[in-house]
Full PDB file with SEQRES, HELIX, SHEET, SSBOND, CRYST1, ORIGX, SCALE, CONECT and MASTER records, all heavy atoms in Angstrom:
SEQRES   1 A   41  LEU TYR LEU HIS GLY LEU PRO TYR ALA MET ALA PRO ASP          
SEQRES   2 A   41  VAL GLN LYS GLN VAL PRO TRP LEU THR TRP LEU SER PRO          
SEQRES   3 A   41  ALA PHE ALA ALA ARG GLN GLN LEU ASP ALA ALA CYS LEU          
SEQRES   4 A   41  ALA ALA                                                      
HELIX    1 AA1 ASP A   13  GLN A   15  5                                   3    
HELIX    2 AA2 PRO A   26  ARG A   31  1                                   6    
HELIX    3 AA3 ALA A   36  ALA A   40  1                                   5    
CRYST1    1.000    1.000    1.000  90.00  90.00  90.00 P 1           1          
ORIGX1      1.000000  0.000000  0.000000        0.00000                         
ORIGX2      0.000000  1.000000  0.000000        0.00000                         
ORIGX3      0.000000  0.000000  1.000000        0.00000                         
SCALE1      1.000000  0.000000  0.000000        0.00000                         
SCALE2      0.000000  1.000000  0.000000        0.00000                         
SCALE3      0.000000  0.000000  1.000000        0.00000                         
ATOM      1  N   LEU A   1      23.989  10.802 -21.009  1.00  0.00           N  
ATOM      2  CA  LEU A   1      23.113  11.853 -20.613  1.00  0.00           C  
ATOM      3  C   LEU A   1      23.487  12.454 -19.308  1.00  0.00           C  
ATOM      4  O   LEU A   1      23.848  11.639 -18.354  1.00  0.00           O  
ATOM      5  CB  LEU A   1      21.595  11.345 -20.563  1.00  0.00           C  
ATOM      6  CG  LEU A   1      20.936  10.855 -21.740  1.00  0.00           C  
ATOM      7  CD1 LEU A   1      19.592  10.298 -21.504  1.00  0.00           C  
ATOM      8  CD2 LEU A   1      20.744  11.980 -22.776  1.00  0.00           C  
ATOM      9  N   TYR A   2      23.318  13.690 -19.193  1.00  0.00           N  
ATOM     10  CA  TYR A   2      23.661  14.612 -17.928  1.00  0.00           C  
ATOM     11  C   TYR A   2      22.534  15.491 -17.624  1.00  0.00           C  
ATOM     12  O   TYR A   2      21.748  15.781 -18.501  1.00  0.00           O  
ATOM     13  CB  TYR A   2      24.868  15.306 -18.016  1.00  0.00           C  
ATOM     14  CG  TYR A   2      26.262  14.441 -18.157  1.00  0.00           C  
ATOM     15  CD1 TYR A   2      26.626  13.974 -19.433  1.00  0.00           C  
ATOM     16  CD2 TYR A   2      26.747  13.945 -17.120  1.00  0.00           C  
ATOM     17  CE1 TYR A   2      27.736  13.215 -19.667  1.00  0.00           C  
ATOM     18  CE2 TYR A   2      28.085  13.117 -17.165  1.00  0.00           C  
ATOM     19  CZ  TYR A   2      28.446  12.743 -18.443  1.00  0.00           C  
ATOM     20  OH  TYR A   2      29.617  12.045 -18.528  1.00  0.00           O  
ATOM     21  N   LEU A   3      22.410  15.837 -16.325  1.00  0.00           N  
ATOM     22  CA  LEU A   3      21.458  16.829 -15.810  1.00  0.00           C  
ATOM     23  C   LEU A   3      20.050  16.342 -16.007  1.00  0.00           C  
ATOM     24  O   LEU A   3      19.770  15.093 -15.808  1.00  0.00           O  
ATOM     25  CB  LEU A   3      21.595  18.202 -16.602  1.00  0.00           C  
ATOM     26  CG  LEU A   3      23.029  18.744 -16.266  1.00  0.00           C  
ATOM     27  CD1 LEU A   3      23.080  20.055 -17.122  1.00  0.00           C  
ATOM     28  CD2 LEU A   3      23.564  18.797 -15.095  1.00  0.00           C  
ATOM     29  N   HIS A   4      19.092  17.103 -16.354  1.00  0.00           N  
ATOM     30  CA  HIS A   4      17.685  16.790 -16.379  1.00  0.00           C  
ATOM     31  C   HIS A   4      17.057  17.685 -17.422  1.00  0.00           C  
ATOM     32  O   HIS A   4      17.639  18.407 -18.151  1.00  0.00           O  
ATOM     33  CB  HIS A   4      17.021  16.893 -15.083  1.00  0.00           C  
ATOM     34  CG  HIS A   4      17.270  18.293 -14.486  1.00  0.00           C  
ATOM     35  ND1 HIS A   4      18.303  18.578 -13.647  1.00  0.00           N  
ATOM     36  CD2 HIS A   4      16.600  19.431 -14.548  1.00  0.00           C  
ATOM     37  CE1 HIS A   4      18.331  19.871 -13.295  1.00  0.00           C  
ATOM     38  NE2 HIS A   4      17.221  20.405 -13.865  1.00  0.00           N  
ATOM     39  N   GLY A   5      15.650  17.533 -17.432  1.00  0.00           N  
ATOM     40  CA  GLY A   5      14.883  18.448 -18.321  1.00  0.00           C  
ATOM     41  C   GLY A   5      14.561  17.894 -19.659  1.00  0.00           C  
ATOM     42  O   GLY A   5      13.974  18.537 -20.591  1.00  0.00           O  
ATOM     43  N   LEU A   6      14.828  16.545 -19.993  1.00  0.00           N  
ATOM     44  CA  LEU A   6      14.371  15.903 -21.241  1.00  0.00           C  
ATOM     45  C   LEU A   6      12.830  15.911 -21.201  1.00  0.00           C  
ATOM     46  O   LEU A   6      12.185  15.802 -20.148  1.00  0.00           O  
ATOM     47  CB  LEU A   6      14.916  14.649 -21.289  1.00  0.00           C  
ATOM     48  CG  LEU A   6      16.302  14.401 -21.844  1.00  0.00           C  
ATOM     49  CD1 LEU A   6      16.781  13.004 -21.822  1.00  0.00           C  
ATOM     50  CD2 LEU A   6      16.497  14.975 -23.174  1.00  0.00           C  
ATOM     51  N   PRO A   7      12.166  15.944 -22.437  1.00  0.00           N  
ATOM     52  CA  PRO A   7      10.719  15.729 -22.494  1.00  0.00           C  
ATOM     53  C   PRO A   7      10.264  14.503 -21.601  1.00  0.00           C  
ATOM     54  O   PRO A   7      10.982  13.579 -21.686  1.00  0.00           O  
ATOM     55  CB  PRO A   7      10.486  15.679 -24.022  1.00  0.00           C  
ATOM     56  CG  PRO A   7      11.541  16.516 -24.590  1.00  0.00           C  
ATOM     57  CD  PRO A   7      12.842  16.219 -23.790  1.00  0.00           C  
ATOM     58  N   TYR A   8       9.261  14.668 -20.953  1.00  0.00           N  
ATOM     59  CA  TYR A   8       8.799  13.594 -19.997  1.00  0.00           C  
ATOM     60  C   TYR A   8       8.730  12.254 -20.730  1.00  0.00           C  
ATOM     61  O   TYR A   8       9.156  11.168 -20.152  1.00  0.00           O  
ATOM     62  CB  TYR A   8       7.542  14.027 -19.401  1.00  0.00           C  
ATOM     63  CG  TYR A   8       7.291  13.206 -18.133  1.00  0.00           C  
ATOM     64  CD1 TYR A   8       7.631  13.622 -16.902  1.00  0.00           C  
ATOM     65  CD2 TYR A   8       6.453  12.169 -18.107  1.00  0.00           C  
ATOM     66  CE1 TYR A   8       7.410  12.988 -15.658  1.00  0.00           C  
ATOM     67  CE2 TYR A   8       6.206  11.311 -16.987  1.00  0.00           C  
ATOM     68  CZ  TYR A   8       6.725  11.792 -15.811  1.00  0.00           C  
ATOM     69  OH  TYR A   8       6.470  11.090 -14.644  1.00  0.00           O  
ATOM     70  N   ALA A   9       8.206  12.199 -21.902  1.00  0.00           N  
ATOM     71  CA  ALA A   9       7.878  10.924 -22.525  1.00  0.00           C  
ATOM     72  C   ALA A   9       9.293  10.257 -22.890  1.00  0.00           C  
ATOM     73  O   ALA A   9       9.276   8.963 -22.997  1.00  0.00           O  
ATOM     74  CB  ALA A   9       7.083  11.163 -23.928  1.00  0.00           C  
ATOM     75  N   MET A  10      10.272  10.941 -22.995  1.00  0.00           N  
ATOM     76  CA  MET A  10      11.559  10.297 -23.478  1.00  0.00           C  
ATOM     77  C   MET A  10      12.648  10.286 -22.429  1.00  0.00           C  
ATOM     78  O   MET A  10      13.743   9.790 -22.606  1.00  0.00           O  
ATOM     79  CB  MET A  10      12.112  10.952 -24.811  1.00  0.00           C  
ATOM     80  CG  MET A  10      12.417  12.420 -24.684  1.00  0.00           C  
ATOM     81  SD  MET A  10      12.992  13.238 -26.307  1.00  0.00           S  
ATOM     82  CE  MET A  10      11.375  13.158 -27.029  1.00  0.00           C  
ATOM     83  N   ALA A  11      12.367  11.049 -21.304  1.00  0.00           N  
ATOM     84  CA  ALA A  11      13.323  11.041 -20.132  1.00  0.00           C  
ATOM     85  C   ALA A  11      13.492   9.714 -19.562  1.00  0.00           C  
ATOM     86  O   ALA A  11      12.716   8.888 -19.458  1.00  0.00           O  
ATOM     87  CB  ALA A  11      12.821  11.962 -19.215  1.00  0.00           C  
ATOM     88  N   PRO A  12      14.852   9.348 -19.201  1.00  0.00           N  
ATOM     89  CA  PRO A  12      15.021   8.091 -18.414  1.00  0.00           C  
ATOM     90  C   PRO A  12      14.347   8.145 -17.122  1.00  0.00           C  
ATOM     91  O   PRO A  12      14.176   9.154 -16.513  1.00  0.00           O  
ATOM     92  CB  PRO A  12      16.581   7.933 -18.431  1.00  0.00           C  
ATOM     93  CG  PRO A  12      17.013   9.427 -18.569  1.00  0.00           C  
ATOM     94  CD  PRO A  12      16.112  10.034 -19.433  1.00  0.00           C  
ATOM     95  N   ASP A  13      14.236   6.911 -16.553  1.00  0.00           N  
ATOM     96  CA  ASP A  13      13.503   6.797 -15.255  1.00  0.00           C  
ATOM     97  C   ASP A  13      14.382   7.658 -14.010  1.00  0.00           C  
ATOM     98  O   ASP A  13      13.647   8.053 -13.142  1.00  0.00           O  
ATOM     99  CB  ASP A  13      13.396   5.356 -14.786  1.00  0.00           C  
ATOM    100  CG  ASP A  13      12.204   4.681 -15.526  1.00  0.00           C  
ATOM    101  OD1 ASP A  13      11.417   5.419 -16.064  1.00  0.00           O  
ATOM    102  OD2 ASP A  13      12.158   3.469 -15.626  1.00  0.00           O  
ATOM    103  N   VAL A  14      15.566   7.607 -14.303  1.00  0.00           N  
ATOM    104  CA  VAL A  14      16.405   8.314 -13.205  1.00  0.00           C  
ATOM    105  C   VAL A  14      16.167   9.754 -13.087  1.00  0.00           C  
ATOM    106  O   VAL A  14      16.314  10.466 -12.088  1.00  0.00           O  
ATOM    107  CB  VAL A  14      17.942   8.185 -13.376  1.00  0.00           C  
ATOM    108  CG1 VAL A  14      18.434   6.761 -13.152  1.00  0.00           C  
ATOM    109  CG2 VAL A  14      18.436   8.548 -14.841  1.00  0.00           C  
ATOM    110  N   GLN A  15      15.497  10.318 -14.105  1.00  0.00           N  
ATOM    111  CA  GLN A  15      15.038  11.848 -14.094  1.00  0.00           C  
ATOM    112  C   GLN A  15      13.704  11.915 -13.518  1.00  0.00           C  
ATOM    113  O   GLN A  15      13.203  12.978 -13.305  1.00  0.00           O  
ATOM    114  CB  GLN A  15      15.167  12.517 -15.513  1.00  0.00           C  
ATOM    115  CG  GLN A  15      16.506  12.670 -16.025  1.00  0.00           C  
ATOM    116  CD  GLN A  15      16.520  13.387 -17.257  1.00  0.00           C  
ATOM    117  OE1 GLN A  15      15.626  14.301 -17.567  1.00  0.00           O  
ATOM    118  NE2 GLN A  15      17.598  13.233 -18.092  1.00  0.00           N  
ATOM    119  N   LYS A  16      12.981  10.775 -13.370  1.00  0.00           N  
ATOM    120  CA  LYS A  16      11.657  10.797 -12.965  1.00  0.00           C  
ATOM    121  C   LYS A  16      11.375  10.179 -11.626  1.00  0.00           C  
ATOM    122  O   LYS A  16      10.264  10.316 -11.045  1.00  0.00           O  
ATOM    123  CB  LYS A  16      10.647  10.250 -14.064  1.00  0.00           C  
ATOM    124  CG  LYS A  16      10.701  11.069 -15.239  1.00  0.00           C  
ATOM    125  CD  LYS A  16       9.734  10.541 -16.370  1.00  0.00           C  
ATOM    126  CE  LYS A  16      10.251   9.186 -16.952  1.00  0.00           C  
ATOM    127  NZ  LYS A  16       9.553   8.881 -18.124  1.00  0.00           N  
ATOM    128  N   GLN A  17      12.298   9.337 -11.138  1.00  0.00           N  
ATOM    129  CA  GLN A  17      11.959   8.635  -9.872  1.00  0.00           C  
ATOM    130  C   GLN A  17      12.645   9.369  -8.666  1.00  0.00           C  
ATOM    131  O   GLN A  17      13.946   9.612  -8.658  1.00  0.00           O  
ATOM    132  CB  GLN A  17      12.655   7.214  -9.903  1.00  0.00           C  
ATOM    133  CG  GLN A  17      12.011   6.252 -10.863  1.00  0.00           C  
ATOM    134  CD  GLN A  17      12.522   4.946 -11.191  1.00  0.00           C  
ATOM    135  OE1 GLN A  17      13.693   4.659 -10.802  1.00  0.00           O  
ATOM    136  NE2 GLN A  17      11.725   3.883 -11.666  1.00  0.00           N  
ATOM    137  N   VAL A  18      11.889   9.725  -7.800  1.00  0.00           N  
ATOM    138  CA  VAL A  18      12.334  10.653  -6.752  1.00  0.00           C  
ATOM    139  C   VAL A  18      12.141  10.080  -5.274  1.00  0.00           C  
ATOM    140  O   VAL A  18      11.175   9.263  -5.194  1.00  0.00           O  
ATOM    141  CB  VAL A  18      11.576  11.968  -6.847  1.00  0.00           C  
ATOM    142  CG1 VAL A  18      11.988  12.798  -8.051  1.00  0.00           C  
ATOM    143  CG2 VAL A  18      10.082  11.946  -6.782  1.00  0.00           C  
ATOM    144  N   PRO A  19      12.813  10.623  -4.303  1.00  0.00           N  
ATOM    145  CA  PRO A  19      12.569  10.073  -3.015  1.00  0.00           C  
ATOM    146  C   PRO A  19      11.445  10.892  -2.283  1.00  0.00           C  
ATOM    147  O   PRO A  19      11.240  12.023  -2.530  1.00  0.00           O  
ATOM    148  CB  PRO A  19      13.933  10.496  -2.304  1.00  0.00           C  
ATOM    149  CG  PRO A  19      14.493  11.583  -2.981  1.00  0.00           C  
ATOM    150  CD  PRO A  19      14.033  11.487  -4.547  1.00  0.00           C  
ATOM    151  N   TRP A  20      10.844  10.200  -1.392  1.00  0.00           N  
ATOM    152  CA  TRP A  20       9.695  10.705  -0.661  1.00  0.00           C  
ATOM    153  C   TRP A  20       9.879  10.158   0.744  1.00  0.00           C  
ATOM    154  O   TRP A  20       9.641   8.908   1.065  1.00  0.00           O  
ATOM    155  CB  TRP A  20       8.313  10.251  -1.272  1.00  0.00           C  
ATOM    156  CG  TRP A  20       7.157  10.912  -0.445  1.00  0.00           C  
ATOM    157  CD1 TRP A  20       7.078  11.189   1.001  1.00  0.00           C  
ATOM    158  CD2 TRP A  20       5.818  11.118  -0.923  1.00  0.00           C  
ATOM    159  NE1 TRP A  20       5.741  11.657   1.244  1.00  0.00           N  
ATOM    160  CE2 TRP A  20       5.001  11.639   0.093  1.00  0.00           C  
ATOM    161  CE3 TRP A  20       5.251  11.102  -2.229  1.00  0.00           C  
ATOM    162  CZ2 TRP A  20       3.637  12.017  -0.112  1.00  0.00           C  
ATOM    163  CZ3 TRP A  20       3.961  11.484  -2.409  1.00  0.00           C  
ATOM    164  CH2 TRP A  20       3.176  11.998  -1.330  1.00  0.00           C  
ATOM    165  N   LEU A  21      10.416  10.883   1.798  1.00  0.00           N  
ATOM    166  CA  LEU A  21      10.569  10.526   3.024  1.00  0.00           C  
ATOM    167  C   LEU A  21       9.491  11.141   4.023  1.00  0.00           C  
ATOM    168  O   LEU A  21       9.075  12.203   3.824  1.00  0.00           O  
ATOM    169  CB  LEU A  21      11.988  10.969   3.511  1.00  0.00           C  
ATOM    170  CG  LEU A  21      13.111  10.467   2.614  1.00  0.00           C  
ATOM    171  CD1 LEU A  21      14.428  11.070   3.161  1.00  0.00           C  
ATOM    172  CD2 LEU A  21      13.203   9.097   2.324  1.00  0.00           C  
ATOM    173  N   THR A  22       9.345  10.403   5.214  1.00  0.00           N  
ATOM    174  CA  THR A  22       8.323  10.921   6.152  1.00  0.00           C  
ATOM    175  C   THR A  22       8.897  10.551   7.642  1.00  0.00           C  
ATOM    176  O   THR A  22       9.350   9.424   7.837  1.00  0.00           O  
ATOM    177  CB  THR A  22       7.016  10.228   5.958  1.00  0.00           C  
ATOM    178  OG1 THR A  22       6.487  10.423   4.616  1.00  0.00           O  
ATOM    179  CG2 THR A  22       6.028  10.830   6.983  1.00  0.00           C  
ATOM    180  N   TRP A  23       8.849  11.630   8.401  1.00  0.00           N  
ATOM    181  CA  TRP A  23       9.171  11.401   9.854  1.00  0.00           C  
ATOM    182  C   TRP A  23       7.997  12.002  10.575  1.00  0.00           C  
ATOM    183  O   TRP A  23       7.517  13.144  10.368  1.00  0.00           O  
ATOM    184  CB  TRP A  23      10.442  12.176  10.228  1.00  0.00           C  
ATOM    185  CG  TRP A  23      10.713  12.104  11.713  1.00  0.00           C  
ATOM    186  CD1 TRP A  23      11.396  10.957  12.454  1.00  0.00           C  
ATOM    187  CD2 TRP A  23      10.356  12.961  12.784  1.00  0.00           C  
ATOM    188  NE1 TRP A  23      11.328  11.413  13.800  1.00  0.00           N  
ATOM    189  CE2 TRP A  23      10.671  12.595  13.902  1.00  0.00           C  
ATOM    190  CE3 TRP A  23       9.685  14.281  12.594  1.00  0.00           C  
ATOM    191  CZ2 TRP A  23      10.487  13.335  15.145  1.00  0.00           C  
ATOM    192  CZ3 TRP A  23       9.438  14.982  13.775  1.00  0.00           C  
ATOM    193  CH2 TRP A  23       9.911  14.558  14.980  1.00  0.00           C  
ATOM    194  N   LEU A  24       7.464  11.216  11.640  1.00  0.00           N  
ATOM    195  CA  LEU A  24       6.325  11.628  12.454  1.00  0.00           C  
ATOM    196  C   LEU A  24       6.704  11.548  13.954  1.00  0.00           C  
ATOM    197  O   LEU A  24       7.217  10.520  14.314  1.00  0.00           O  
ATOM    198  CB  LEU A  24       5.201  10.824  12.186  1.00  0.00           C  
ATOM    199  CG  LEU A  24       4.659  10.458  10.682  1.00  0.00           C  
ATOM    200  CD1 LEU A  24       3.515   9.638  10.633  1.00  0.00           C  
ATOM    201  CD2 LEU A  24       4.227  12.013  10.210  1.00  0.00           C  
ATOM    202  N   SER A  25       6.546  12.613  14.547  1.00  0.00           N  
ATOM    203  CA  SER A  25       6.723  12.560  16.094  1.00  0.00           C  
ATOM    204  C   SER A  25       5.558  11.549  16.555  1.00  0.00           C  
ATOM    205  O   SER A  25       4.573  11.306  16.102  1.00  0.00           O  
ATOM    206  CB  SER A  25       6.559  13.921  16.647  1.00  0.00           C  
ATOM    207  OG  SER A  25       5.354  14.257  16.682  1.00  0.00           O  
ATOM    208  N   PRO A  26       5.829  10.886  17.747  1.00  0.00           N  
ATOM    209  CA  PRO A  26       4.840   9.989  18.381  1.00  0.00           C  
ATOM    210  C   PRO A  26       3.514  10.805  18.675  1.00  0.00           C  
ATOM    211  O   PRO A  26       2.429  10.140  18.415  1.00  0.00           O  
ATOM    212  CB  PRO A  26       5.618   9.619  19.597  1.00  0.00           C  
ATOM    213  CG  PRO A  26       7.017   9.569  19.449  1.00  0.00           C  
ATOM    214  CD  PRO A  26       7.183  10.851  18.479  1.00  0.00           C  
ATOM    215  N   ALA A  27       3.688  12.085  18.922  1.00  0.00           N  
ATOM    216  CA  ALA A  27       2.509  12.791  19.244  1.00  0.00           C  
ATOM    217  C   ALA A  27       1.736  13.055  18.050  1.00  0.00           C  
ATOM    218  O   ALA A  27       0.503  13.096  17.966  1.00  0.00           O  
ATOM    219  CB  ALA A  27       2.811  14.136  19.959  1.00  0.00           C  
ATOM    220  N   PHE A  28       2.330  13.383  16.969  1.00  0.00           N  
ATOM    221  CA  PHE A  28       1.590  13.701  15.667  1.00  0.00           C  
ATOM    222  C   PHE A  28       1.056  12.300  15.088  1.00  0.00           C  
ATOM    223  O   PHE A  28      -0.088  12.379  14.681  1.00  0.00           O  
ATOM    224  CB  PHE A  28       2.612  14.269  14.602  1.00  0.00           C  
ATOM    225  CG  PHE A  28       1.987  14.726  13.396  1.00  0.00           C  
ATOM    226  CD1 PHE A  28       1.523  16.062  13.307  1.00  0.00           C  
ATOM    227  CD2 PHE A  28       1.677  13.906  12.316  1.00  0.00           C  
ATOM    228  CE1 PHE A  28       1.022  16.533  12.157  1.00  0.00           C  
ATOM    229  CE2 PHE A  28       1.071  14.236  11.136  1.00  0.00           C  
ATOM    230  CZ  PHE A  28       0.735  15.689  11.051  1.00  0.00           C  
ATOM    231  N   ALA A  29       1.670  11.222  15.255  1.00  0.00           N  
ATOM    232  CA  ALA A  29       1.120   9.902  14.765  1.00  0.00           C  
ATOM    233  C   ALA A  29      -0.079   9.640  15.500  1.00  0.00           C  
ATOM    234  O   ALA A  29      -1.052   9.084  14.952  1.00  0.00           O  
ATOM    235  CB  ALA A  29       2.198   8.844  14.939  1.00  0.00           C  
ATOM    236  N   ALA A  30      -0.076   9.924  16.812  1.00  0.00           N  
ATOM    237  CA  ALA A  30      -1.237   9.687  17.736  1.00  0.00           C  
ATOM    238  C   ALA A  30      -2.396  10.633  17.377  1.00  0.00           C  
ATOM    239  O   ALA A  30      -3.541  10.221  17.287  1.00  0.00           O  
ATOM    240  CB  ALA A  30      -0.881   9.825  19.136  1.00  0.00           C  
ATOM    241  N   ARG A  31      -2.106  11.870  17.083  1.00  0.00           N  
ATOM    242  CA  ARG A  31      -3.088  12.857  16.745  1.00  0.00           C  
ATOM    243  C   ARG A  31      -3.713  12.408  15.398  1.00  0.00           C  
ATOM    244  O   ARG A  31      -4.952  12.657  15.212  1.00  0.00           O  
ATOM    245  CB  ARG A  31      -2.302  14.313  16.466  1.00  0.00           C  
ATOM    246  CG  ARG A  31      -3.160  15.392  16.133  1.00  0.00           C  
ATOM    247  CD  ARG A  31      -2.318  16.634  15.691  1.00  0.00           C  
ATOM    248  NE  ARG A  31      -3.147  17.688  15.647  1.00  0.00           N  
ATOM    249  CZ  ARG A  31      -3.241  18.716  16.607  1.00  0.00           C  
ATOM    250  NH1 ARG A  31      -2.574  18.571  17.747  1.00  0.00           N  
ATOM    251  NH2 ARG A  31      -3.931  19.762  16.449  1.00  0.00           N  
ATOM    252  N   GLN A  32      -2.967  11.928  14.423  1.00  0.00           N  
ATOM    253  CA  GLN A  32      -3.570  11.562  13.187  1.00  0.00           C  
ATOM    254  C   GLN A  32      -3.982   9.995  13.153  1.00  0.00           C  
ATOM    255  O   GLN A  32      -4.480   9.548  12.170  1.00  0.00           O  
ATOM    256  CB  GLN A  32      -2.445  11.602  12.093  1.00  0.00           C  
ATOM    257  CG  GLN A  32      -2.093  13.058  11.697  1.00  0.00           C  
ATOM    258  CD  GLN A  32      -2.895  13.494  10.422  1.00  0.00           C  
ATOM    259  OE1 GLN A  32      -2.887  12.688   9.401  1.00  0.00           O  
ATOM    260  NE2 GLN A  32      -3.554  14.604  10.571  1.00  0.00           N  
ATOM    261  N   GLN A  33      -3.862   9.423  14.212  1.00  0.00           N  
ATOM    262  CA  GLN A  33      -4.192   7.865  14.421  1.00  0.00           C  
ATOM    263  C   GLN A  33      -3.515   7.087  13.247  1.00  0.00           C  
ATOM    264  O   GLN A  33      -3.997   6.280  12.613  1.00  0.00           O  
ATOM    265  CB  GLN A  33      -5.707   7.666  14.453  1.00  0.00           C  
ATOM    266  CG  GLN A  33      -6.325   8.352  15.624  1.00  0.00           C  
ATOM    267  CD  GLN A  33      -7.754   8.040  15.733  1.00  0.00           C  
ATOM    268  OE1 GLN A  33      -8.227   7.046  15.076  1.00  0.00           O  
ATOM    269  NE2 GLN A  33      -8.506   8.712  16.555  1.00  0.00           N  
ATOM    270  N   LEU A  34      -2.092   7.413  13.015  1.00  0.00           N  
ATOM    271  CA  LEU A  34      -1.524   6.738  12.026  1.00  0.00           C  
ATOM    272  C   LEU A  34      -0.729   5.543  12.440  1.00  0.00           C  
ATOM    273  O   LEU A  34      -0.076   5.555  13.516  1.00  0.00           O  
ATOM    274  CB  LEU A  34      -0.476   7.721  11.316  1.00  0.00           C  
ATOM    275  CG  LEU A  34      -0.995   8.668  10.246  1.00  0.00           C  
ATOM    276  CD1 LEU A  34      -0.019   9.829  10.007  1.00  0.00           C  
ATOM    277  CD2 LEU A  34      -1.491   8.027   8.998  1.00  0.00           C  
ATOM    278  N   ASP A  35      -0.836   4.435  11.729  1.00  0.00           N  
ATOM    279  CA  ASP A  35      -0.197   3.138  12.144  1.00  0.00           C  
ATOM    280  C   ASP A  35       1.148   3.041  11.475  1.00  0.00           C  
ATOM    281  O   ASP A  35       1.260   2.903  10.191  1.00  0.00           O  
ATOM    282  CB  ASP A  35      -1.150   1.913  11.719  1.00  0.00           C  
ATOM    283  CG  ASP A  35      -0.647   0.627  12.167  1.00  0.00           C  
ATOM    284  OD1 ASP A  35       0.597   0.436  12.381  1.00  0.00           O  
ATOM    285  OD2 ASP A  35      -1.451  -0.188  12.489  1.00  0.00           O  
ATOM    286  N   ALA A  36       2.271   3.202  12.204  1.00  0.00           N  
ATOM    287  CA  ALA A  36       3.676   3.134  11.685  1.00  0.00           C  
ATOM    288  C   ALA A  36       3.856   1.901  10.929  1.00  0.00           C  
ATOM    289  O   ALA A  36       4.490   1.776   9.830  1.00  0.00           O  
ATOM    290  CB  ALA A  36       4.621   3.267  12.717  1.00  0.00           C  
ATOM    291  N   ALA A  37       3.414   0.675  11.501  1.00  0.00           N  
ATOM    292  CA  ALA A  37       3.614  -0.531  10.883  1.00  0.00           C  
ATOM    293  C   ALA A  37       2.889  -0.714   9.462  1.00  0.00           C  
ATOM    294  O   ALA A  37       3.458  -1.215   8.456  1.00  0.00           O  
ATOM    295  CB  ALA A  37       3.179  -1.720  11.853  1.00  0.00           C  
ATOM    296  N   CYS A  38       1.789  -0.073   9.463  1.00  0.00           N  
ATOM    297  CA  CYS A  38       1.021  -0.121   8.133  1.00  0.00           C  
ATOM    298  C   CYS A  38       1.794   0.707   7.194  1.00  0.00           C  
ATOM    299  O   CYS A  38       1.926   0.272   5.982  1.00  0.00           O  
ATOM    300  CB  CYS A  38      -0.337   0.555   8.409  1.00  0.00           C  
ATOM    301  SG  CYS A  38      -1.359   0.731   6.930  1.00  0.00           S  
ATOM    302  N   LEU A  39       2.207   1.932   7.542  1.00  0.00           N  
ATOM    303  CA  LEU A  39       3.030   2.754   6.691  1.00  0.00           C  
ATOM    304  C   LEU A  39       4.178   1.940   6.149  1.00  0.00           C  
ATOM    305  O   LEU A  39       4.546   2.117   4.844  1.00  0.00           O  
ATOM    306  CB  LEU A  39       3.388   4.085   7.206  1.00  0.00           C  
ATOM    307  CG  LEU A  39       2.142   5.029   7.481  1.00  0.00           C  
ATOM    308  CD1 LEU A  39       2.701   6.246   8.370  1.00  0.00           C  
ATOM    309  CD2 LEU A  39       1.707   5.569   6.219  1.00  0.00           C  
ATOM    310  N   ALA A  40       4.888   1.390   6.955  1.00  0.00           N  
ATOM    311  CA  ALA A  40       6.170   0.621   6.629  1.00  0.00           C  
ATOM    312  C   ALA A  40       5.904  -0.504   5.721  1.00  0.00           C  
ATOM    313  O   ALA A  40       6.723  -0.725   4.633  1.00  0.00           O  
ATOM    314  CB  ALA A  40       6.816   0.060   7.831  1.00  0.00           C  
ATOM    315  N   ALA A  41       4.701  -1.094   5.817  1.00  0.00           N  
ATOM    316  CA  ALA A  41       4.340  -2.185   4.860  1.00  0.00           C  
ATOM    317  C   ALA A  41       4.008  -1.633   3.427  1.00  0.00           C  
ATOM    318  O   ALA A  41       4.017  -2.370   2.497  1.00  0.00           O  
ATOM    319  CB  ALA A  41       3.121  -2.949   5.402  1.00  0.00           C  
TER     320      ALA A  41                                                      
MASTER        0    0    0    3    0    0    0    6  319    1    0    4          
END                                                                             
């Protein structure tokens, strides 16, 4: 198999598993009261 676009029910996981990355400045994390250690866990 190459590329993507297979019907969702039959598509392999590599076509459906995607990266989600997050970077927060210290000021933004403080503004949101986000706990970096909690997010990492």
